[in-house]
Amino acid sequence: MKHVTFEVFPSDKLRLDLIPESWMLAITCTSEELQPTIDLYRKLGPRHTPHLSAALSESEDQVRELAAIFTEKIFLIGGDLEPRGPFTRSAQLIPYFGHCREIGVGSYPEGHPSYSHEELGDEILLGKQALGATYAATQMCFDPDKIIRWVSRIRDKGVTLPIHCGVAPPINPVKLTQFALRCGVNTSLNFIKKMSVRDAARMATSYDPRPLMEAVGGQVDGFHIYTFNAIKTTRAWIEDMPAGIVSA
């Protein structure tokens, strides 16, 4: 059974009452400020994982203050924004959180818009491992072969971090596509772009990432579910999932 984390974002519309107590949550950042993430983390408790964006971090003093708040787990990202302070990369934040049991970082089987080539992304991940990261969660990817090849490649280069594969639940493909394109997931979305209107409508009711999860299950250590705050849909999907794919 695989470990699974469910990503949510701070919002007044987030249905906390629908979230099972057993779920481990990752609380992502908004695109504007860190405070909503801090507030939701304080409400939910330290068993859950807050995200911290380097671009939104305004000073070293602020990061030290957050390190005193986020004492158990942290997930560090660069943030595709104009930096508001001295930090531009998640790797710069890792040393501030050495006291945390878990330090997660992002990873990109299909590359990242800021990386000129895939080898650079591999080297950056290797560097984060050396600084103290304890696991890596991937961007969403829809091509299992790409994930398997990427895991094999980074293992050959010395990356030993547990890998949590980023997966989207069966939600509206329009919303899925919009989010994925913002993340730079272009290649494996070609199959969506080429769909007819009728095929796309059919996918809205039939899309299921379980085949991908089953295909990559032997190569990854867990799954990171991007819920898009569609808690009811995600919960029904997880509860209907055959035993053994995830532990939630």
Protein backbone atom coordinates (compact mmCIF):
# COMPACT_ATOMS: atom_id res chain seq x y z
CA MET A 1 0.00 0.00 0.00
CA LYS A 2 1.29 3.44 -0.93
CA HIS A 3 1.42 6.53 1.22
CA VAL A 4 -0.88 9.27 -0.07
CA THR A 5 -1.12 12.98 0.63
CA PHE A 6 -3.98 15.23 -0.46
CA GLU A 7 -3.18 18.76 -1.55
CA VAL A 8 -5.68 21.50 -0.70
CA PHE A 9 -5.48 25.27 -0.98
CA PRO A 10 -6.72 27.80 1.58
CA SER A 11 -10.21 28.98 0.68
CA ASP A 12 -13.44 29.90 2.42
CA LYS A 13 -15.09 27.30 0.16
CA LEU A 14 -12.86 24.43 1.32
CA ARG A 15 -15.15 21.82 2.93
CA LEU A 16 -13.11 20.79 5.94
CA ASP A 17 -16.10 18.90 7.31
CA LEU A 18 -15.90 16.49 4.36
CA ILE A 19 -12.23 15.64 4.83
CA PRO A 20 -11.66 12.27 6.55
CA GLU A 21 -9.56 12.45 9.69
CA SER A 22 -7.21 9.86 8.23
CA TRP A 23 -6.18 12.08 5.32
CA MET A 24 -2.76 13.67 5.45
CA LEU A 25 -3.06 17.11 3.88
CA ALA A 26 -0.59 19.31 2.05
CA ILE A 27 -1.64 22.95 2.40
CA THR A 28 -0.50 24.83 -0.65
CA CYS A 29 0.28 28.56 -0.92
CA THR A 30 -1.92 31.11 -2.59
CA SER A 31 -0.34 33.15 -5.37
CA GLU A 32 -0.41 36.31 -3.25
CA GLU A 33 0.47 35.69 0.38
CA LEU A 34 1.56 33.15 2.97
CA GLN A 35 -0.88 34.02 5.75
CA PRO A 36 -3.81 31.85 4.52
CA THR A 37 -1.51 28.83 4.54
CA ILE A 38 -0.35 29.64 8.07
CA ASP A 39 -3.91 30.13 9.29
CA LEU A 40 -5.15 26.83 7.83
CA TYR A 41 -2.13 24.97 9.18
CA ARG A 42 -2.81 26.29 12.68
CA LYS A 43 -6.43 25.19 12.39
CA LEU A 44 -5.57 21.68 11.15
CA GLY A 45 -2.49 20.92 13.25
CA PRO A 46 1.13 19.80 12.80
CA ARG A 47 0.36 16.34 11.37
CA HIS A 48 -0.32 18.12 8.08
CA THR A 49 2.22 19.70 5.73
CA PRO A 50 2.30 23.41 4.92
CA HIS A 51 3.84 24.69 1.69
CA LEU A 52 6.28 27.56 1.72
CA SER A 53 7.15 29.50 -1.42
CA ALA A 54 10.60 31.02 -1.77
CA ALA A 55 9.20 33.79 -3.95
CA LEU A 56 6.64 34.82 -1.32
CA SER A 57 9.18 34.84 1.52
CA GLU A 58 10.01 38.45 2.26
CA SER A 59 13.05 38.15 4.52
CA GLU A 60 15.31 35.82 6.45
CA ASP A 61 13.62 36.91 9.67
CA GLN A 62 10.22 35.91 8.29
CA VAL A 63 11.52 32.47 7.28
CA ARG A 64 13.01 31.97 10.74
CA GLU A 65 9.65 32.87 12.28
CA LEU A 66 7.92 30.35 10.03
CA ALA A 67 10.50 27.71 10.93
CA ALA A 68 9.42 28.17 14.55
CA ILE A 69 5.78 27.60 13.52
CA PHE A 70 6.28 24.74 11.05
CA THR A 71 8.10 22.36 13.35
CA GLU A 72 7.23 18.91 12.03
CA LYS A 73 6.78 18.94 8.27
CA ILE A 74 7.33 21.39 5.42
CA PHE A 75 7.07 21.37 1.64
CA LEU A 76 9.28 23.91 -0.10
CA ILE A 77 8.70 25.33 -3.56
CA GLY A 78 10.29 28.08 -5.58
CA GLY A 79 7.09 29.76 -6.69
CA ASP A 80 6.67 31.09 -10.23
CA LEU A 81 6.43 34.70 -9.09
CA GLU A 82 8.60 37.78 -8.88
CA PRO A 83 10.56 37.28 -5.63
CA ARG A 84 9.48 39.53 -2.76
CA GLY A 85 12.69 39.03 -0.83
CA PRO A 86 16.12 37.43 -1.03
CA PHE A 87 14.92 33.93 -1.95
CA THR A 88 14.41 32.68 -5.48
CA ARG A 89 14.75 28.89 -5.10
CA SER A 90 13.37 26.34 -2.65
CA ALA A 91 16.88 24.99 -2.07
CA GLN A 92 17.74 28.24 -0.28
CA LEU A 93 15.05 27.54 2.32
CA ILE A 94 16.02 23.97 3.19
CA PRO A 95 18.71 24.85 5.80
CA TYR A 96 16.14 26.80 7.84
CA PHE A 97 14.03 23.67 8.31
CA GLY A 98 16.62 21.11 9.27
CA HIS A 99 14.67 20.44 12.49
CA CYS A 100 11.66 19.11 10.55
CA ARG A 101 11.06 15.38 10.28
CA GLU A 102 9.91 15.76 6.68
CA ILE A 103 11.13 18.24 4.10
CA GLY A 104 9.43 17.86 0.76
CA VAL A 105 10.51 19.45 -2.51
CA GLY A 106 9.07 19.60 -6.00
CA SER A 107 10.23 17.49 -8.93
CA TYR A 108 9.44 17.56 -12.62
CA PRO A 109 9.31 14.41 -14.79
CA GLU A 110 8.39 16.58 -17.78
CA GLY A 111 10.73 19.42 -16.98
CA HIS A 112 10.06 22.87 -15.61
CA PRO A 113 9.57 26.12 -17.56
CA SER A 114 12.54 27.63 -15.70
CA TYR A 115 14.92 24.77 -16.50
CA SER A 116 16.70 24.90 -19.82
CA HIS A 117 17.06 21.12 -20.05
CA GLU A 118 16.08 18.04 -18.09
CA GLU A 119 19.60 17.34 -16.83
CA LEU A 120 19.59 20.68 -15.02
CA GLY A 121 16.40 19.66 -13.22
CA ASP A 122 18.02 16.38 -12.22
CA GLU A 123 21.06 18.15 -10.81
CA ILE A 124 18.89 20.60 -8.88
CA LEU A 125 17.00 17.70 -7.29
CA LEU A 126 20.29 16.02 -6.40
CA GLY A 127 21.41 19.25 -4.76
CA LYS A 128 18.21 19.49 -2.70
CA GLN A 129 18.81 15.96 -1.50
CA ALA A 130 22.31 16.92 -0.36
CA LEU A 131 20.92 19.92 1.54
CA GLY A 132 18.52 17.76 3.55
CA ALA A 133 15.29 17.21 1.60
CA THR A 134 13.61 13.97 2.65
CA TYR A 135 11.22 13.33 -0.26
CA ALA A 136 10.12 14.74 -3.60
CA ALA A 137 6.58 15.15 -4.92
CA THR A 138 6.18 15.44 -8.67
CA GLN A 139 4.13 17.78 -10.79
CA MET A 140 1.07 16.20 -12.37
CA CYS A 141 1.96 13.87 -15.19
CA PHE A 142 -0.36 11.81 -17.37
CA ASP A 143 2.15 9.59 -19.12
CA PRO A 144 3.29 6.65 -16.95
CA ASP A 145 6.18 5.85 -19.26
CA LYS A 146 7.61 9.33 -18.74
CA ILE A 147 7.41 8.92 -14.96
CA ILE A 148 9.06 5.50 -15.05
CA ARG A 149 11.88 6.71 -17.32
CA TRP A 150 12.42 9.79 -15.17
CA VAL A 151 12.61 7.78 -11.94
CA SER A 152 15.11 5.43 -13.54
CA ARG A 153 17.21 8.36 -14.75
CA ILE A 154 17.38 10.19 -11.43
CA ARG A 155 18.15 6.96 -9.58
CA ASP A 156 21.08 6.39 -11.95
CA LYS A 157 22.30 9.89 -11.06
CA GLY A 158 22.21 9.21 -7.33
CA VAL A 159 18.85 10.58 -6.22
CA THR A 160 17.60 8.29 -3.46
CA LEU A 161 14.73 10.44 -2.17
CA PRO A 162 11.32 8.76 -1.88
CA ILE A 163 9.18 9.86 -4.83
CA HIS A 164 5.50 10.79 -4.42
CA CYS A 165 3.84 10.84 -7.83
CA GLY A 166 1.54 13.80 -8.44
CA VAL A 167 -1.93 12.67 -9.54
CA ALA A 168 -5.19 14.49 -10.26
CA PRO A 169 -8.52 12.95 -9.26
CA PRO A 170 -11.27 12.35 -11.84
CA ILE A 171 -12.44 15.95 -12.22
CA ASN A 172 -13.58 18.12 -15.11
CA PRO A 173 -10.82 17.94 -17.75
CA VAL A 174 -11.11 21.65 -18.57
CA LYS A 175 -10.15 22.54 -14.99
CA LEU A 176 -7.49 19.85 -15.05
CA THR A 177 -5.98 21.14 -18.29
CA GLN A 178 -5.91 24.75 -17.11
CA PHE A 179 -4.11 23.82 -13.91
CA ALA A 180 -1.68 21.49 -15.65
CA LEU A 181 -0.69 24.08 -18.25
CA ARG A 182 0.07 26.58 -15.48
CA CYS A 183 2.41 23.95 -14.03
CA GLY A 184 4.21 23.53 -17.34
CA VAL A 185 2.84 20.06 -18.01
CA ASN A 186 2.67 20.32 -21.78
CA THR A 187 3.83 17.10 -23.36
CA SER A 188 1.47 14.62 -21.76
CA LEU A 189 -1.50 16.95 -22.27
CA ASN A 190 -1.27 16.55 -26.02
CA PHE A 191 -3.85 13.79 -25.87
CA ILE A 192 -6.33 16.26 -24.32
CA LYS A 193 -5.61 18.99 -26.85
CA LYS A 194 -6.23 16.61 -29.76
CA MET A 195 -9.57 15.37 -28.48
CA SER A 196 -12.79 16.11 -30.29
CA VAL A 197 -15.49 17.96 -28.35
CA ARG A 198 -17.41 14.69 -27.98
CA ASP A 199 -14.36 12.83 -26.73
CA ALA A 200 -13.56 15.59 -24.25
CA ALA A 201 -17.13 15.49 -22.93
CA ARG A 202 -16.84 11.72 -22.53
CA MET A 203 -13.58 12.12 -20.63
CA ALA A 204 -15.30 14.44 -18.16
CA THR A 205 -17.26 11.47 -16.89
CA SER A 206 -14.77 8.66 -17.49
CA TYR A 207 -11.28 10.01 -16.69
CA ASP A 208 -9.66 7.90 -14.00
CA PRO A 209 -5.97 8.05 -13.01
CA ARG A 210 -5.98 4.56 -11.53
CA PRO A 211 -4.36 2.96 -14.60
CA LEU A 212 -1.47 5.43 -14.29
CA MET A 213 -1.17 4.77 -10.56
CA GLU A 214 -1.11 1.03 -11.13
CA ALA A 215 1.49 1.39 -13.89
CA VAL A 216 3.93 3.48 -11.84
CA GLY A 217 3.21 1.92 -8.46
CA GLY A 218 6.31 -0.24 -8.50
CA GLN A 219 8.56 2.75 -9.20
CA VAL A 220 7.30 5.35 -6.72
CA ASP A 221 6.91 5.47 -2.96
CA GLY A 222 3.59 7.26 -2.70
CA PHE A 223 1.07 9.54 -4.36
CA HIS A 224 0.40 13.25 -4.01
CA ILE A 225 -3.23 13.91 -4.93
CA TYR A 226 -4.02 17.36 -6.31
CA THR A 227 -7.62 17.67 -5.11
CA PHE A 228 -8.36 21.16 -6.52
CA ASN A 229 -10.46 21.36 -3.31
CA ALA A 230 -12.95 18.97 -4.92
CA ILE A 231 -13.12 17.06 -1.65
CA LYS A 232 -16.41 15.26 -2.24
CA THR A 233 -15.32 13.98 -5.66
CA THR A 234 -11.87 12.99 -4.44
CA ARG A 235 -13.22 11.21 -1.37
CA ALA A 236 -15.73 9.16 -3.40
CA TRP A 237 -12.98 8.19 -5.84
CA ILE A 238 -10.58 7.13 -3.08
CA GLU A 239 -13.27 5.14 -1.26
CA ASP A 240 -14.06 3.30 -4.49
CA MET A 241 -10.43 2.48 -5.18
CA PRO A 242 -9.34 -1.16 -4.91
CA ALA A 243 -7.36 -2.00 -1.79
CA GLY A 244 -3.61 -1.92 -2.19
CA ILE A 245 -3.19 1.10 -4.47
CA VAL A 246 -3.08 3.69 -1.68
CA SER A 247 -3.33 3.86 2.08
CA ALA A 248 -5.51 6.75 3.15
